[in-house]
Amino acid sequence: MTLWQGLCNLPTSWHPPMGNLLGGFLFIVAKDRKKIARANISLCLQNLSSDDQKKILNNNFKLLGKSIIETGIAWFWSDAKIKKFIDYEIFGLDLLSTENSSKGNLIIFKHSQHLELDARLLAINAEIFGVSRSHNSASMNKIQNKGRLSSIKDTADKNNPRQFMKWLKDGKNVLYAIDQDYGWDHSVKLKFFNQETATITTPKKIIDITGSNLVFMNSYYEKNKIFITLEAINPIGLNDRGLAQKINDLIEEKILNHPMEYLWAHRRFKSTLGKSFYK
């Protein structure tokens, strides 16, 4: 923890080379993670040449190294320090305003490498609640919760839907990610990068029960500046599968715009292709 905080508090001009160094180290030692990322990139970006896929994989790990520092910034820095040193811009923030509507906003987002910093930036500018998954390590879970509550008002475990649905009914903004493989208990087979993928269909149920709006948050880097965009998703006329597919398509579109920034090192297709796909 001391080392991590120390790295984050070094001059910001040191962060890019440190991120590259950490990413290069992980590229060598995190063999399982690299296998997973390589398999996903090869499957999802089949239209790219082998050289281009390797380039994305290499840069993805550089950004993974950078994300260690960015997560520290999100969890340890003050709001004032973030505003001073982090260059960012948010579009569509008016969608989260509750001045003209009592409806809550279910905010769907993709897993970018810099998602922790994205959430912190959004929470500095709007009242945000979150849905999260407990970390396997009790000590890391404590650090994670404390860090996320630096700006986010509160978090609820994804297995405790009553809590975050109450927030939505009360007109709150709730961050919620669905682009991972959570097994078959609450999932169906839908297309993602033209592959059958276990996909949860809960967004439709949540907005039907709570009466909330559905918003998509995208984030990406352009010349060392973070851009966060918020856009409304229209669920009218769609059932739970149709809406989940629409979200999958939207996430896929945003990933293709900035493929190096996505969290490829998740076994997204383990339920449909089997865990052996990543060995």
Protein backbone atom coordinates (compact mmCIF):
# COMPACT_ATOMS: atom_id res chain seq x y z
CA MET A 1 0.00 0.00 0.00
CA THR A 2 2.78 2.43 0.92
CA LEU A 3 4.62 1.68 -2.32
CA TRP A 4 1.41 2.00 -4.35
CA GLN A 5 0.52 5.35 -2.80
CA GLY A 6 4.10 6.50 -3.24
CA LEU A 7 4.05 5.70 -6.96
CA CYS A 8 0.78 7.57 -7.41
CA ASN A 9 2.14 10.65 -5.64
CA LEU A 10 5.25 10.95 -7.80
CA PRO A 11 5.17 13.78 -10.39
CA THR A 12 2.53 13.09 -13.04
CA SER A 13 5.16 13.30 -15.77
CA TRP A 14 6.61 10.08 -14.31
CA HIS A 15 3.33 8.18 -14.62
CA PRO A 16 3.52 7.22 -18.35
CA PRO A 17 7.01 5.65 -18.15
CA MET A 18 6.10 3.95 -14.86
CA GLY A 19 2.94 2.58 -16.45
CA ASN A 20 4.94 1.25 -19.40
CA LEU A 21 7.43 -0.35 -17.01
CA LEU A 22 4.69 -2.00 -14.96
CA GLY A 23 2.91 -3.12 -18.12
CA GLY A 24 6.10 -4.65 -19.51
CA PHE A 25 6.66 -6.47 -16.24
CA LEU A 26 3.09 -7.85 -16.24
CA PHE A 27 3.47 -8.90 -19.88
CA ILE A 28 6.31 -11.17 -18.76
CA VAL A 29 5.01 -12.51 -15.45
CA ALA A 30 1.19 -12.49 -15.85
CA LYS A 31 1.19 -15.41 -18.26
CA ASP A 32 -2.37 -16.57 -17.60
CA ARG A 33 -3.74 -13.07 -18.01
CA LYS A 34 -1.81 -12.69 -21.26
CA LYS A 35 -3.21 -15.99 -22.60
CA ILE A 36 -6.74 -14.84 -21.85
CA ALA A 37 -6.24 -11.43 -23.48
CA ARG A 38 -4.56 -12.94 -26.56
CA ALA A 39 -7.36 -15.49 -27.02
CA ASN A 40 -10.07 -12.82 -26.73
CA ILE A 41 -8.34 -10.43 -29.11
CA SER A 42 -7.77 -13.20 -31.66
CA LEU A 43 -11.43 -14.25 -31.45
CA CYS A 44 -13.05 -10.81 -31.43
CA LEU A 45 -10.73 -8.98 -33.83
CA GLN A 46 -10.40 -11.64 -36.52
CA ASN A 47 -10.45 -9.02 -39.27
CA LEU A 48 -7.10 -7.65 -38.07
CA SER A 49 -3.75 -9.06 -39.13
CA SER A 50 -1.65 -11.09 -36.70
CA ASP A 51 0.76 -8.15 -36.37
CA ASP A 52 -2.06 -5.73 -35.54
CA GLN A 53 -3.46 -8.14 -32.95
CA LYS A 54 -0.03 -8.40 -31.32
CA LYS A 55 0.24 -4.60 -31.28
CA ILE A 56 -3.12 -4.32 -29.52
CA LEU A 57 -2.08 -6.98 -27.00
CA ASN A 58 1.21 -5.20 -26.24
CA ASN A 59 -0.44 -1.81 -25.85
CA ASN A 60 -3.23 -3.36 -23.80
CA PHE A 61 -0.65 -4.49 -21.25
CA LYS A 62 0.99 -1.07 -21.22
CA LEU A 63 -2.41 0.37 -20.36
CA LEU A 64 -2.86 -2.36 -17.76
CA GLY A 65 0.32 -1.13 -16.09
CA LYS A 66 -0.93 2.44 -16.35
CA SER A 67 -4.26 1.38 -14.83
CA ILE A 68 -2.49 0.41 -11.59
CA ILE A 69 -1.47 4.03 -11.18
CA GLU A 70 -4.87 5.31 -12.37
CA THR A 71 -6.68 3.13 -9.84
CA GLY A 72 -4.42 4.53 -7.12
CA ILE A 73 -5.24 8.05 -8.27
CA ALA A 74 -8.95 7.22 -8.15
CA TRP A 75 -8.73 5.75 -4.67
CA PHE A 76 -6.10 7.88 -2.92
CA TRP A 77 -6.17 11.38 -4.42
CA SER A 78 -8.41 14.20 -3.23
CA ASP A 79 -11.03 15.74 -5.53
CA ALA A 80 -8.99 18.96 -5.68
CA LYS A 81 -5.84 17.13 -6.77
CA ILE A 82 -7.70 15.17 -9.44
CA LYS A 83 -9.25 18.36 -10.83
CA LYS A 84 -5.82 20.00 -10.94
CA PHE A 85 -3.80 17.21 -12.58
CA ILE A 86 -6.22 15.01 -14.56
CA ASP A 87 -7.29 16.35 -17.94
CA TYR A 88 -10.81 15.17 -18.70
CA GLU A 89 -14.15 16.19 -20.20
CA ILE A 90 -17.63 14.76 -19.69
CA PHE A 91 -20.40 14.97 -22.29
CA GLY A 92 -24.07 14.34 -21.56
CA LEU A 93 -23.88 15.05 -17.84
CA ASP A 94 -27.31 16.70 -18.07
CA LEU A 95 -28.80 13.21 -18.48
CA LEU A 96 -28.02 12.58 -14.82
CA SER A 97 -29.74 15.69 -13.56
CA THR A 98 -32.73 15.02 -11.32
CA GLU A 99 -33.95 18.63 -11.39
CA ASN A 100 -36.55 17.97 -14.10
CA SER A 101 -37.24 14.30 -13.37
CA SER A 102 -37.67 12.11 -10.34
CA LYS A 103 -36.53 9.06 -12.30
CA GLY A 104 -33.30 7.33 -11.43
CA ASN A 105 -30.66 6.44 -14.00
CA LEU A 106 -29.23 2.96 -14.47
CA ILE A 107 -25.81 3.67 -16.00
CA ILE A 108 -24.37 0.78 -18.01
CA PHE A 109 -20.65 0.90 -18.78
CA LYS A 110 -17.99 -1.27 -20.37
CA HIS A 111 -14.92 -2.52 -18.54
CA SER A 112 -12.19 -0.13 -19.63
CA GLN A 113 -8.72 -0.52 -18.14
CA HIS A 114 -9.26 2.88 -16.49
CA LEU A 115 -12.78 2.21 -15.20
CA GLU A 116 -11.95 3.11 -11.58
CA LEU A 117 -10.73 6.54 -12.62
CA ASP A 118 -13.72 6.95 -14.94
CA ALA A 119 -16.11 6.26 -12.06
CA ARG A 120 -14.27 8.68 -9.77
CA LEU A 121 -14.38 11.46 -12.37
CA LEU A 122 -18.09 10.94 -12.93
CA ALA A 123 -18.75 10.86 -9.19
CA ILE A 124 -16.93 14.16 -8.71
CA ASN A 125 -19.45 15.75 -11.06
CA ALA A 126 -22.68 13.96 -10.12
CA GLU A 127 -24.19 12.02 -7.23
CA ILE A 128 -23.30 8.43 -8.09
CA PHE A 129 -24.00 5.07 -6.47
CA GLY A 130 -22.44 1.81 -7.62
CA VAL A 131 -23.00 -1.92 -7.98
CA SER A 132 -19.87 -3.95 -7.30
CA ARG A 133 -18.53 -7.43 -6.69
CA SER A 134 -16.65 -8.21 -3.49
CA HIS A 135 -12.94 -8.89 -3.92
CA ASN A 136 -11.71 -12.39 -3.08
CA SER A 137 -9.17 -10.91 -0.66
CA ALA A 138 -10.73 -9.45 2.50
CA SER A 139 -7.93 -6.89 2.92
CA MET A 140 -8.11 -5.84 -0.75
CA ASN A 141 -11.89 -5.64 -0.50
CA LYS A 142 -11.50 -3.19 2.40
CA ILE A 143 -9.08 -1.03 0.39
CA GLN A 144 -11.35 -1.21 -2.66
CA ASN A 145 -14.46 -0.16 -0.74
CA LYS A 146 -12.69 2.71 1.00
CA GLY A 147 -11.21 3.90 -2.29
CA ARG A 148 -14.48 3.78 -4.19
CA LEU A 149 -16.28 5.66 -1.45
CA SER A 150 -13.89 8.60 -1.94
CA SER A 151 -16.51 10.06 -4.28
CA ILE A 152 -19.20 7.43 -4.86
CA LYS A 153 -21.97 7.85 -2.29
CA ASP A 154 -22.39 4.14 -1.60
CA THR A 155 -22.02 0.72 -3.22
CA ALA A 156 -24.17 -2.40 -3.16
CA ASP A 157 -23.09 -5.94 -3.91
CA LYS A 158 -24.44 -7.22 -7.23
CA ASN A 159 -26.12 -10.04 -5.28
CA ASN A 160 -28.11 -7.49 -3.26
CA PRO A 161 -30.44 -6.03 -5.93
CA ARG A 162 -32.94 -4.69 -3.39
CA GLN A 163 -30.46 -2.06 -2.27
CA PHE A 164 -29.52 -0.63 -5.65
CA MET A 165 -33.09 -0.87 -6.97
CA LYS A 166 -34.22 1.20 -3.99
CA TRP A 167 -31.68 3.84 -5.00
CA LEU A 168 -33.11 3.86 -8.52
CA LYS A 169 -36.66 4.16 -7.21
CA ASP A 170 -35.46 7.12 -5.12
CA GLY A 171 -34.17 8.86 -8.27
CA LYS A 172 -30.45 8.09 -7.84
CA ASN A 173 -27.76 7.41 -10.46
CA VAL A 174 -26.41 3.85 -10.28
CA LEU A 175 -23.38 2.47 -12.15
CA TYR A 176 -23.81 -1.12 -13.33
CA ALA A 177 -21.62 -3.31 -15.59
CA ILE A 178 -22.94 -6.32 -17.51
CA ASP A 179 -20.11 -7.11 -19.95
CA GLN A 180 -18.64 -10.07 -18.09
CA ASP A 181 -19.41 -13.78 -17.90
CA TYR A 182 -21.43 -14.37 -14.71
CA GLY A 183 -22.39 -17.96 -15.52
CA TRP A 184 -25.78 -19.34 -16.55
CA ASP A 185 -27.88 -18.59 -13.45
CA HIS A 186 -29.10 -15.26 -14.84
CA SER A 187 -27.72 -15.37 -18.38
CA VAL A 188 -28.82 -16.33 -21.89
CA LYS A 189 -26.87 -16.88 -25.10
CA LEU A 190 -26.56 -13.67 -27.11
CA LYS A 191 -24.12 -12.42 -29.72
CA PHE A 192 -20.99 -10.48 -28.80
CA PHE A 193 -18.41 -10.00 -31.57
CA ASN A 194 -20.48 -12.57 -33.50
CA GLN A 195 -19.86 -15.19 -30.81
CA GLU A 196 -22.47 -16.82 -28.62
CA THR A 197 -21.85 -15.33 -25.19
CA ALA A 198 -23.41 -15.71 -21.74
CA THR A 199 -25.16 -12.36 -21.24
CA ILE A 200 -27.27 -11.19 -18.31
CA THR A 201 -30.66 -9.72 -19.20
CA THR A 202 -31.35 -7.93 -15.91
CA PRO A 203 -31.28 -4.30 -17.22
CA LYS A 204 -34.81 -4.65 -18.66
CA LYS A 205 -36.14 -6.13 -15.42
CA ILE A 206 -34.46 -3.42 -13.35
CA ILE A 207 -35.80 -0.48 -15.35
CA ASP A 208 -39.28 -2.04 -15.52
CA ILE A 209 -39.40 -2.46 -11.73
CA THR A 210 -37.83 0.90 -10.83
CA GLY A 211 -39.11 3.08 -13.68
CA SER A 212 -35.58 4.37 -14.20
CA ASN A 213 -33.90 5.64 -17.35
CA LEU A 214 -31.17 3.64 -19.05
CA VAL A 215 -27.90 5.43 -19.82
CA PHE A 216 -24.68 4.20 -21.41
CA MET A 217 -21.31 5.55 -20.27
CA ASN A 218 -18.34 5.31 -22.62
CA SER A 219 -14.80 6.44 -21.89
CA TYR A 220 -11.59 6.70 -23.88
CA TYR A 221 -8.29 8.53 -24.13
CA GLU A 222 -7.40 11.09 -26.80
CA LYS A 223 -3.94 12.67 -26.50
CA ASN A 224 -3.69 11.95 -22.75
CA LYS A 225 -7.12 13.41 -22.08
CA ILE A 226 -9.98 11.25 -20.81
CA PHE A 227 -13.33 11.71 -22.50
CA ILE A 228 -16.48 10.39 -20.87
CA THR A 229 -19.70 10.36 -22.87
CA LEU A 230 -23.19 9.62 -21.59
CA GLU A 231 -26.01 8.68 -23.94
CA ALA A 232 -29.56 7.51 -23.39
CA ILE A 233 -30.55 3.99 -24.46
CA ASN A 234 -34.13 3.66 -25.69
CA PRO A 235 -35.64 0.37 -24.42
CA ILE A 236 -39.11 0.89 -25.93
CA GLY A 237 -40.37 -2.12 -27.85
CA LEU A 238 -37.58 -4.41 -26.64
CA ASN A 239 -37.92 -7.43 -24.37
CA ASP A 240 -35.17 -8.42 -21.95
CA ARG A 241 -33.17 -10.34 -24.59
CA GLY A 242 -33.57 -7.62 -27.19
CA LEU A 243 -32.37 -4.90 -24.84
CA ALA A 244 -29.41 -6.99 -23.66
CA GLN A 245 -28.42 -7.60 -27.30
CA LYS A 246 -28.71 -3.88 -28.03
CA ILE A 247 -26.34 -3.18 -25.12
CA ASN A 248 -23.92 -5.87 -26.32
CA ASP A 249 -23.89 -4.28 -29.78
CA LEU A 250 -23.27 -0.83 -28.30
CA ILE A 251 -20.41 -2.08 -26.12
CA GLU A 252 -18.88 -3.84 -29.11
CA GLU A 253 -19.08 -0.64 -31.17
CA LYS A 254 -17.33 1.38 -28.46
CA ILE A 255 -14.61 -1.27 -27.97
CA LEU A 256 -13.80 -1.24 -31.69
CA ASN A 257 -13.23 2.52 -31.54
CA HIS A 258 -10.52 2.07 -28.86
CA PRO A 259 -9.66 -1.65 -28.71
CA MET A 260 -6.43 -1.23 -26.72
CA GLU A 261 -8.29 0.20 -23.72
CA TYR A 262 -10.71 -2.69 -23.11
CA LEU A 263 -10.27 -5.26 -20.33
CA TRP A 264 -9.49 -8.19 -22.63
CA ALA A 265 -8.02 -10.25 -19.79
CA HIS A 266 -11.42 -11.52 -18.65
CA ARG A 267 -12.67 -14.97 -19.66
CA ARG A 268 -15.69 -13.54 -21.43
CA PHE A 269 -16.49 -16.72 -23.37
CA LYS A 270 -15.78 -19.35 -20.70
CA SER A 271 -19.44 -20.42 -20.41
CA THR A 272 -19.93 -20.92 -24.15
CA LEU A 273 -16.46 -21.98 -25.33
CA GLY A 274 -15.31 -23.59 -22.09
CA LYS A 275 -12.43 -22.74 -19.79
CA SER A 276 -10.13 -24.82 -22.01
CA PHE A 277 -10.41 -22.07 -24.64
CA TYR A 278 -8.08 -19.98 -22.49
CA LYS A 279 -5.43 -22.62 -21.83
